[in-house]
Amino acid sequence: MSTGRLVVGVTGASGAIYAQRFLIHATKHFSEILLMMSEQAFQVAATELGVAPDRDSWSTKEWLREEYPQIKLLSPKNFFTPPASGSYRHDGMVIVPCSMGAAGRIANGISDDLLTRSADVCLKEGRKLILVPREMPWNLIMLRNLTQLAEAGATILPACPAWYYKPKTIEDLADTVVARILQSLGVDQQIVPQWMAD
């Protein structure tokens, strides 16, 4: 396991399985994961996965199938937490899945909660920021917001699963996206082999 720190945001966009699978795999590479989830993210997880974490009695056991003490849930309105400050050093931030509402607020500098403030800090400090949108199709406003984010230094990594690995389960399919997120963070992941690598 790495001794690195990772910041993760989960919004209310569809695709809760991407957050679930990413967090499970990220725990193998990061010793501290600071997690922020919107209220809608809890609702979507419950709807799509049949299980969701409980903010009041935080535990990863049911949602991620085991306890991961290195994952710490932060309050979305508490700006007195490490990721809200540029002085807090970490290895990057991933927003998975990323709603177009969150992307639009970040693109336009609207830091109205801890997630958008943390993303804003990444951009101003030149740190890795990866957004994983799942919405489709994209309208012109969405395209312009994502272009603006890319121009500001963010990585836009749409949740487009790869089929050429012949995934056999929904989890396998989601993991093809998770593997690309980890690679974008500079992690030497072992989930999906490099295509045509010797």
Protein backbone atom coordinates (compact mmCIF):
# COMPACT_ATOMS: atom_id res chain seq x y z
CA MET A 1 0.00 0.00 0.00
CA SER A 2 1.15 3.52 -0.79
CA THR A 3 1.52 6.07 1.97
CA GLY A 4 -0.25 8.57 -0.28
CA ARG A 5 -3.31 10.66 0.40
CA LEU A 6 -6.28 10.82 -1.93
CA VAL A 7 -9.35 13.06 -1.97
CA VAL A 8 -12.53 11.55 -3.41
CA GLY A 9 -15.84 13.20 -4.16
CA VAL A 10 -19.06 11.35 -5.00
CA THR A 11 -21.99 13.29 -6.44
CA GLY A 12 -25.57 12.29 -7.16
CA ALA A 13 -24.95 11.36 -10.78
CA SER A 14 -25.96 7.87 -11.83
CA GLY A 15 -23.10 5.38 -11.66
CA ALA A 16 -22.71 4.67 -7.95
CA ILE A 17 -20.97 1.41 -8.85
CA TYR A 18 -18.00 3.41 -10.16
CA ALA A 19 -17.59 5.10 -6.77
CA GLN A 20 -17.99 1.78 -4.97
CA ARG A 21 -15.46 -0.09 -7.11
CA PHE A 22 -13.01 2.82 -7.20
CA LEU A 23 -12.92 3.14 -3.43
CA ILE A 24 -12.38 -0.60 -2.96
CA HIS A 25 -9.42 -0.58 -5.35
CA ALA A 26 -8.04 2.77 -4.14
CA THR A 27 -7.62 1.40 -0.62
CA LYS A 28 -4.89 -0.88 -1.99
CA HIS A 29 -2.84 2.12 -3.06
CA PHE A 30 -3.58 4.96 -0.62
CA SER A 31 -3.19 4.98 3.14
CA GLU A 32 -5.58 7.92 3.63
CA ILE A 33 -8.70 8.61 1.59
CA LEU A 34 -10.75 11.68 2.46
CA LEU A 35 -14.26 11.15 1.10
CA MET A 36 -17.05 13.62 0.56
CA MET A 37 -20.52 12.59 -0.62
CA SER A 38 -23.52 14.71 -1.50
CA GLU A 39 -26.93 13.82 -0.09
CA GLN A 40 -27.97 12.77 -3.58
CA ALA A 41 -24.98 10.41 -3.75
CA PHE A 42 -26.35 8.49 -0.75
CA GLN A 43 -29.77 8.27 -2.41
CA VAL A 44 -28.37 7.10 -5.74
CA ALA A 45 -26.20 4.45 -4.06
CA ALA A 46 -29.25 3.10 -2.23
CA THR A 47 -31.30 3.07 -5.45
CA GLU A 48 -28.69 1.58 -7.79
CA LEU A 49 -26.76 -0.73 -5.46
CA GLY A 50 -29.36 -1.57 -2.86
CA VAL A 51 -26.92 -0.47 -0.15
CA ALA A 52 -25.58 2.89 0.89
CA PRO A 53 -23.38 4.19 3.69
CA ASP A 54 -24.96 5.89 6.67
CA ARG A 55 -23.61 9.37 7.33
CA ASP A 56 -24.61 9.28 11.00
CA SER A 57 -23.03 5.90 11.81
CA TRP A 58 -20.25 5.88 9.25
CA SER A 59 -18.95 2.50 8.22
CA THR A 60 -17.77 1.09 4.90
CA LYS A 61 -18.76 -2.45 5.88
CA GLU A 62 -22.09 -2.81 4.10
CA TRP A 63 -21.43 -0.48 1.17
CA LEU A 64 -17.90 -1.68 0.33
CA ARG A 65 -18.24 -5.16 1.85
CA GLU A 66 -15.55 -4.67 4.49
CA GLU A 67 -14.15 -2.09 6.86
CA TYR A 68 -11.62 0.33 5.38
CA PRO A 69 -10.39 2.50 8.24
CA GLN A 70 -8.32 4.66 5.91
CA ILE A 71 -11.52 6.04 4.33
CA LYS A 72 -12.71 9.05 6.33
CA LEU A 73 -16.07 10.64 5.51
CA LEU A 74 -16.11 14.44 5.66
CA SER A 75 -19.09 16.73 6.14
CA PRO A 76 -20.00 18.44 2.84
CA LYS A 77 -20.45 21.83 4.52
CA ASN A 78 -17.40 21.77 6.79
CA PHE A 79 -14.72 23.96 5.21
CA PHE A 80 -12.47 23.49 8.26
CA THR A 81 -11.08 20.23 6.86
CA PRO A 82 -7.73 19.55 5.15
CA PRO A 83 -8.80 19.44 1.45
CA ALA A 84 -10.28 22.93 1.68
CA SER A 85 -6.79 24.39 2.11
CA GLY A 86 -3.99 24.63 -0.41
CA SER A 87 -1.49 23.88 2.34
CA TYR A 88 -2.78 20.29 2.60
CA ARG A 89 -0.65 18.13 0.32
CA HIS A 90 -2.20 15.11 -1.36
CA ASP A 91 -1.81 13.01 -4.50
CA GLY A 92 -4.93 14.16 -6.29
CA MET A 93 -8.70 14.35 -6.25
CA VAL A 94 -11.18 12.15 -8.10
CA ILE A 95 -14.87 12.99 -8.47
CA VAL A 96 -16.63 9.76 -9.39
CA PRO A 97 -19.26 9.89 -10.67
CA CYS A 98 -19.30 13.62 -11.37
CA SER A 99 -22.64 15.26 -12.03
CA MET A 100 -22.85 17.99 -14.62
CA GLY A 101 -24.08 20.33 -11.91
CA ALA A 102 -20.89 19.79 -9.91
CA ALA A 103 -18.77 20.13 -13.05
CA GLY A 104 -20.52 23.40 -13.93
CA ARG A 105 -19.96 24.87 -10.47
CA ILE A 106 -16.27 23.89 -10.45
CA ALA A 107 -15.78 25.22 -13.99
CA ASN A 108 -17.18 28.57 -12.96
CA GLY A 109 -15.45 28.90 -9.61
CA ILE A 110 -18.54 28.38 -7.46
CA SER A 111 -17.25 26.74 -4.28
CA ASP A 112 -20.54 26.24 -2.48
CA ASP A 113 -19.61 23.05 -0.61
CA LEU A 114 -16.51 21.13 0.45
CA LEU A 115 -16.40 19.08 -2.75
CA THR A 116 -16.36 22.08 -5.09
CA ARG A 117 -13.96 23.98 -2.81
CA SER A 118 -11.57 21.01 -2.74
CA ALA A 119 -11.68 20.77 -6.53
CA ASP A 120 -11.05 24.52 -6.80
CA VAL A 121 -8.01 24.12 -4.53
CA CYS A 122 -6.64 21.38 -6.81
CA LEU A 123 -6.89 23.65 -9.82
CA LYS A 124 -5.31 26.64 -8.12
CA GLU A 125 -2.49 24.54 -6.67
CA GLY A 126 -1.85 22.65 -9.92
CA ARG A 127 -2.76 19.28 -8.40
CA LYS A 128 -4.30 16.35 -10.21
CA LEU A 129 -8.09 16.66 -10.54
CA ILE A 130 -9.99 13.89 -12.33
CA LEU A 131 -13.68 14.23 -13.15
CA VAL A 132 -15.62 11.13 -14.19
CA PRO A 133 -18.89 12.26 -15.80
CA ARG A 134 -21.50 9.67 -16.74
CA GLU A 135 -24.22 11.91 -18.19
CA MET A 136 -25.25 11.57 -21.83
CA PRO A 137 -25.79 13.16 -24.23
CA TRP A 138 -23.88 16.37 -23.49
CA ASN A 139 -25.44 19.70 -24.38
CA LEU A 140 -23.42 22.75 -25.39
CA ILE A 141 -23.30 24.14 -21.84
CA MET A 142 -21.90 20.85 -20.53
CA LEU A 143 -19.32 20.70 -23.33
CA ARG A 144 -18.18 24.24 -22.63
CA ASN A 145 -17.93 23.59 -18.89
CA LEU A 146 -15.87 20.43 -19.45
CA THR A 147 -13.67 22.25 -21.97
CA GLN A 148 -13.12 25.05 -19.46
CA LEU A 149 -12.15 22.48 -16.81
CA ALA A 150 -9.71 20.78 -19.17
CA GLU A 151 -8.17 24.15 -20.03
CA ALA A 152 -7.81 24.83 -16.29
CA GLY A 153 -5.85 21.59 -15.84
CA ALA A 154 -8.47 18.97 -14.95
CA THR A 155 -8.58 15.52 -16.53
CA ILE A 156 -11.99 14.64 -17.96
CA LEU A 157 -12.36 10.87 -17.87
CA PRO A 158 -15.88 9.87 -18.96
CA ALA A 159 -17.23 6.62 -17.55
CA CYS A 160 -16.92 4.72 -20.84
CA PRO A 161 -16.31 1.03 -20.04
CA ALA A 162 -14.04 -1.01 -22.30
CA TRP A 163 -15.51 -4.15 -23.85
CA TYR A 164 -12.39 -5.59 -25.50
CA TYR A 165 -11.30 -7.18 -22.21
CA LYS A 166 -14.48 -9.31 -22.42
CA PRO A 167 -15.84 -8.45 -18.95
CA LYS A 168 -18.01 -11.16 -17.46
CA THR A 169 -19.77 -9.18 -14.71
CA ILE A 170 -21.02 -5.65 -14.12
CA GLU A 171 -18.16 -5.24 -11.63
CA ASP A 172 -15.62 -6.29 -14.29
CA LEU A 173 -17.08 -3.71 -16.64
CA ALA A 174 -16.98 -0.93 -14.05
CA ASP A 175 -13.42 -1.90 -13.18
CA THR A 176 -12.25 -1.06 -16.71
CA VAL A 177 -13.09 2.57 -15.88
CA VAL A 178 -11.60 2.29 -12.38
CA ALA A 179 -8.34 1.03 -13.90
CA ARG A 180 -8.09 4.10 -16.12
CA ILE A 181 -8.76 6.42 -13.18
CA LEU A 182 -5.94 4.80 -11.19
CA GLN A 183 -3.61 5.03 -14.19
CA SER A 184 -4.42 8.74 -14.50
CA LEU A 185 -3.38 9.10 -10.86
CA GLY A 186 -0.04 7.49 -11.71
CA VAL A 187 -0.89 4.23 -9.96
CA ASP A 188 0.56 1.01 -11.35
CA GLN A 189 -2.77 -0.83 -11.27
CA GLN A 190 -3.17 -4.56 -11.81
CA ILE A 191 -6.92 -4.65 -12.45
CA VAL A 192 -6.82 -4.53 -16.24
CA PRO A 193 -3.66 -5.38 -18.21
CA GLN A 194 -2.17 -2.83 -20.56
CA TRP A 195 -3.45 -3.44 -24.06
CA MET A 196 -1.01 -5.41 -26.22
CA ALA A 197 1.75 -5.04 -23.61
CA ASP A 198 4.43 -7.73 -23.72
